[in-house]
């Protein structure tokens, strides 16, 4: 498997995803980050302008271990 730079990954995602899908991906990653920092679901929804159901889905993914935040940085 070859290594991919951040620029290559960004270009690939821009080619694969619509602008709406790109924004949704950004929102999901921000949801994970904020939730992992202890921000409440309601506050996350308000801050990002997304529905509480979207934030709840992200919370469940974190709890299930489907997504892990790298805290070593």
Protein backbone atom coordinates (compact mmCIF):
# COMPACT_ATOMS: atom_id res chain seq x y z
CA UNK A 1 0.00 0.00 0.00
CA UNK A 2 1.38 3.40 -0.92
CA UNK A 3 1.46 6.35 1.42
CA UNK A 4 -0.90 9.18 0.66
CA UNK A 5 -0.14 12.78 1.49
CA UNK A 6 -2.76 15.09 2.96
CA UNK A 7 -2.85 16.98 -0.34
CA UNK A 8 -3.46 13.80 -2.32
CA UNK A 9 -6.22 12.73 0.08
CA UNK A 10 -7.84 16.16 -0.14
CA UNK A 11 -7.76 16.10 -3.94
CA UNK A 12 -9.23 12.60 -4.00
CA UNK A 13 -12.06 13.53 -1.64
CA UNK A 14 -12.84 16.67 -3.64
CA UNK A 15 -13.07 14.51 -6.76
CA UNK A 16 -15.26 11.88 -5.12
CA UNK A 17 -17.62 13.98 -3.01
CA UNK A 18 -20.03 16.76 -3.83
CA UNK A 19 -19.58 20.04 -1.93
CA UNK A 20 -22.54 19.04 0.26
CA UNK A 21 -20.98 15.65 1.05
CA UNK A 22 -17.67 17.33 1.83
CA UNK A 23 -19.40 19.64 4.32
CA UNK A 24 -21.22 16.71 5.91
CA UNK A 25 -17.91 14.88 6.35
CA UNK A 26 -16.38 17.96 7.95
CA UNK A 27 -19.40 18.25 10.27
CA UNK A 28 -19.11 14.61 11.33
CA UNK A 29 -15.42 14.96 12.15
CA UNK A 30 -16.14 18.13 14.14
CA UNK A 31 -18.92 16.29 15.98
CA UNK A 32 -16.48 13.54 17.00
CA UNK A 33 -13.88 16.08 18.09
CA UNK A 34 -16.30 18.18 20.17
CA UNK A 35 -17.94 15.17 21.79
CA UNK A 36 -14.54 13.73 22.70
CA UNK A 37 -13.76 17.07 24.39
CA UNK A 38 -16.84 16.65 26.58
CA UNK A 39 -19.08 19.19 24.85
CA UNK A 40 -22.75 18.26 25.32
CA UNK A 41 -24.73 16.93 22.37
CA UNK A 42 -27.08 19.89 22.46
CA UNK A 43 -24.18 22.36 22.43
CA UNK A 44 -22.53 20.51 19.53
CA UNK A 45 -25.78 20.64 17.53
CA UNK A 46 -26.14 24.37 18.17
CA UNK A 47 -22.49 25.19 17.46
CA UNK A 48 -22.41 23.30 14.15
CA UNK A 49 -25.99 23.99 13.07
CA UNK A 50 -26.82 20.30 12.71
CA UNK A 51 -29.69 18.25 14.05
CA UNK A 52 -29.53 16.56 17.41
CA UNK A 53 -30.10 13.21 15.66
CA UNK A 54 -26.89 13.73 13.67
CA UNK A 55 -24.97 14.43 16.85
CA UNK A 56 -26.55 11.45 18.60
CA UNK A 57 -25.47 9.20 15.72
CA UNK A 58 -21.92 10.50 16.12
CA UNK A 59 -22.07 9.92 19.85
CA UNK A 60 -23.16 6.32 19.33
CA UNK A 61 -20.29 5.76 16.87
CA UNK A 62 -17.81 7.07 19.45
CA UNK A 63 -19.30 4.91 22.20
CA UNK A 64 -19.21 1.83 19.98
CA UNK A 65 -15.57 2.47 19.17
CA UNK A 66 -16.36 2.97 15.47
CA UNK A 67 -14.27 6.12 15.50
CA UNK A 68 -11.36 7.00 17.72
CA UNK A 69 -9.82 10.43 18.28
CA UNK A 70 -6.02 10.50 18.23
CA UNK A 71 -5.17 12.42 21.39
CA UNK A 72 -1.40 12.03 21.01
CA UNK A 73 -1.11 15.27 19.00
